[in-house]
Amino acid sequence: MRKPKARELRGLQVQSLVQGDVNAVMALVPRISMPTLVSQEVEDLSIEDLGVISGVVLGFFMSKADIAMMARVMGQDQTSTS
């Protein structure tokens, strides 16, 4: 997946993507997947794979500070030495 450009968000609501709306994510994936997944391939994804993709899409809309905070919350902070 690559970070979408503004033109690839046409017809989609950013809020829907951030909330992990299945229809919005499935509409975006063929536009940003490399190699390109066609709609039928996206529809055939497992729920686990779609969940991972939704997380990647969410990450595109998060700042570095947001990502670092989420890592701390999830106990995956790479900056601390324990």
C-alpha atoms as a PDB file:
ATOM      1  CA  MET A   1       0.000   0.000   0.000  1.00  0.00           C
ATOM      2  CA  ARG A   2       1.199   3.462  -0.757  1.00  0.00           C
ATOM      3  CA  LYS A   3       0.033   6.710   0.752  1.00  0.00           C
ATOM      4  CA  PRO A   4      -2.900   8.019  -1.304  1.00  0.00           C
ATOM      5  CA  LYS A   5      -2.793  11.307  -3.142  1.00  0.00           C
ATOM      6  CA  ALA A   6      -5.728  13.695  -2.867  1.00  0.00           C
ATOM      7  CA  ARG A   7      -7.141  12.629  -6.254  1.00  0.00           C
ATOM      8  CA  GLU A   8      -7.414   9.036  -5.023  1.00  0.00           C
ATOM      9  CA  LEU A   9      -9.701  10.134  -2.210  1.00  0.00           C
ATOM     10  CA  ARG A  10     -12.334  11.496  -4.604  1.00  0.00           C
ATOM     11  CA  GLY A  11     -15.783  10.233  -3.760  1.00  0.00           C
ATOM     12  CA  LEU A  12     -14.640   9.003  -0.351  1.00  0.00           C
ATOM     13  CA  GLN A  13     -15.021  10.606   3.045  1.00  0.00           C
ATOM     14  CA  VAL A  14     -11.809  10.772   5.066  1.00  0.00           C
ATOM     15  CA  GLN A  15     -13.828  10.273   8.241  1.00  0.00           C
ATOM     16  CA  SER A  16     -15.166   6.987   6.851  1.00  0.00           C
ATOM     17  CA  LEU A  17     -11.625   5.805   6.078  1.00  0.00           C
ATOM     18  CA  VAL A  18     -10.381   6.794   9.537  1.00  0.00           C
ATOM     19  CA  GLN A  19     -13.300   4.941  11.122  1.00  0.00           C
ATOM     20  CA  GLY A  20     -12.442   1.832   9.086  1.00  0.00           C
ATOM     21  CA  ASP A  21     -15.671   1.829   7.077  1.00  0.00           C
ATOM     22  CA  VAL A  22     -15.438  -1.381   5.047  1.00  0.00           C
ATOM     23  CA  ASN A  23     -16.955   0.099   1.881  1.00  0.00           C
ATOM     24  CA  ALA A  24     -14.648   3.119   1.965  1.00  0.00           C
ATOM     25  CA  VAL A  25     -11.535   1.012   2.554  1.00  0.00           C
ATOM     26  CA  MET A  26     -12.532  -1.442  -0.178  1.00  0.00           C
ATOM     27  CA  ALA A  27     -13.022   1.456  -2.607  1.00  0.00           C
ATOM     28  CA  LEU A  28      -9.595   2.910  -1.784  1.00  0.00           C
ATOM     29  CA  VAL A  29      -7.504  -0.271  -1.899  1.00  0.00           C
ATOM     30  CA  PRO A  30      -7.515  -0.731  -5.710  1.00  0.00           C
ATOM     31  CA  ARG A  31      -6.355   2.879  -6.031  1.00  0.00           C
ATOM     32  CA  ILE A  32      -3.323   2.534  -3.733  1.00  0.00           C
ATOM     33  CA  SER A  33      -2.265  -1.120  -3.797  1.00  0.00           C
ATOM     34  CA  MET A  34       0.990  -2.128  -5.455  1.00  0.00           C
ATOM     35  CA  PRO A  35       0.701  -4.349  -7.345  1.00  0.00           C
ATOM     36  CA  THR A  36      -2.835  -3.210  -8.021  1.00  0.00           C
ATOM     37  CA  LEU A  37      -5.578  -5.337  -6.528  1.00  0.00           C
ATOM     38  CA  VAL A  38      -8.760  -5.313  -8.586  1.00  0.00           C
ATOM     39  CA  SER A  39     -12.114  -4.921  -6.871  1.00  0.00           C
ATOM     40  CA  GLN A  40     -12.863  -8.668  -6.998  1.00  0.00           C
ATOM     41  CA  GLU A  41      -9.563  -9.434  -5.250  1.00  0.00           C
ATOM     42  CA  VAL A  42     -10.328  -6.873  -2.560  1.00  0.00           C
ATOM     43  CA  GLU A  43     -13.791  -8.376  -2.058  1.00  0.00           C
ATOM     44  CA  ASP A  44     -12.182 -11.801  -1.603  1.00  0.00           C
ATOM     45  CA  LEU A  45      -9.733 -10.687   1.101  1.00  0.00           C
ATOM     46  CA  SER A  46      -9.978 -12.397   4.464  1.00  0.00           C
ATOM     47  CA  ILE A  47     -11.341 -10.308   7.304  1.00  0.00           C
ATOM     48  CA  GLU A  48      -7.917 -10.442   8.943  1.00  0.00           C
ATOM     49  CA  ASP A  49      -6.193  -9.068   5.830  1.00  0.00           C
ATOM     50  CA  LEU A  50      -8.822  -6.353   5.435  1.00  0.00           C
ATOM     51  CA  GLY A  51      -8.294  -5.427   9.089  1.00  0.00           C
ATOM     52  CA  VAL A  52      -4.546  -5.084   8.552  1.00  0.00           C
ATOM     53  CA  ILE A  53      -5.141  -2.945   5.460  1.00  0.00           C
ATOM     54  CA  SER A  54      -7.591  -0.763   7.401  1.00  0.00           C
ATOM     55  CA  GLY A  55      -4.878  -0.208  10.001  1.00  0.00           C
ATOM     56  CA  VAL A  56      -2.398   0.800   7.300  1.00  0.00           C
ATOM     57  CA  VAL A  57      -4.941   3.212   5.817  1.00  0.00           C
ATOM     58  CA  LEU A  58      -5.566   4.726   9.256  1.00  0.00           C
ATOM     59  CA  GLY A  59      -1.822   5.208   9.652  1.00  0.00           C
ATOM     60  CA  PHE A  60      -1.771   7.408   6.547  1.00  0.00           C
ATOM     61  CA  PHE A  61      -3.913   9.947   8.409  1.00  0.00           C
ATOM     62  CA  MET A  62      -1.958   9.897  11.673  1.00  0.00           C
ATOM     63  CA  SER A  63       0.871  12.226  12.619  1.00  0.00           C
ATOM     64  CA  LYS A  64       4.193  10.827  13.859  1.00  0.00           C
ATOM     65  CA  ALA A  65       3.181  11.925  17.353  1.00  0.00           C
ATOM     66  CA  ASP A  66      -0.116  10.005  17.059  1.00  0.00           C
ATOM     67  CA  ILE A  67       1.736   6.887  15.905  1.00  0.00           C
ATOM     68  CA  ALA A  68       4.246   7.164  18.766  1.00  0.00           C
ATOM     69  CA  MET A  69       1.422   7.579  21.289  1.00  0.00           C
ATOM     70  CA  MET A  70      -0.379   4.518  19.913  1.00  0.00           C
ATOM     71  CA  ALA A  71       2.843   2.502  20.146  1.00  0.00           C
ATOM     72  CA  ARG A  72       3.217   3.519  23.810  1.00  0.00           C
ATOM     73  CA  VAL A  73      -0.407   2.608  24.541  1.00  0.00           C
ATOM     74  CA  MET A  74       0.042  -0.757  22.846  1.00  0.00           C
ATOM     75  CA  GLY A  75       3.285  -1.400  24.754  1.00  0.00           C
ATOM     76  CA  GLN A  76       5.384  -1.268  21.610  1.00  0.00           C
ATOM     77  CA  ASP A  77       7.402   1.852  22.366  1.00  0.00           C
ATOM     78  CA  GLN A  78      10.748   1.346  20.664  1.00  0.00           C
ATOM     79  CA  THR A  79      12.348   4.387  22.287  1.00  0.00           C
ATOM     80  CA  SER A  80      12.315   3.214  25.905  1.00  0.00           C
ATOM     81  CA  THR A  81      15.001   0.979  27.326  1.00  0.00           C
ATOM     82  CA  SER A  82      13.622  -1.521  29.805  1.00  0.00           C
END
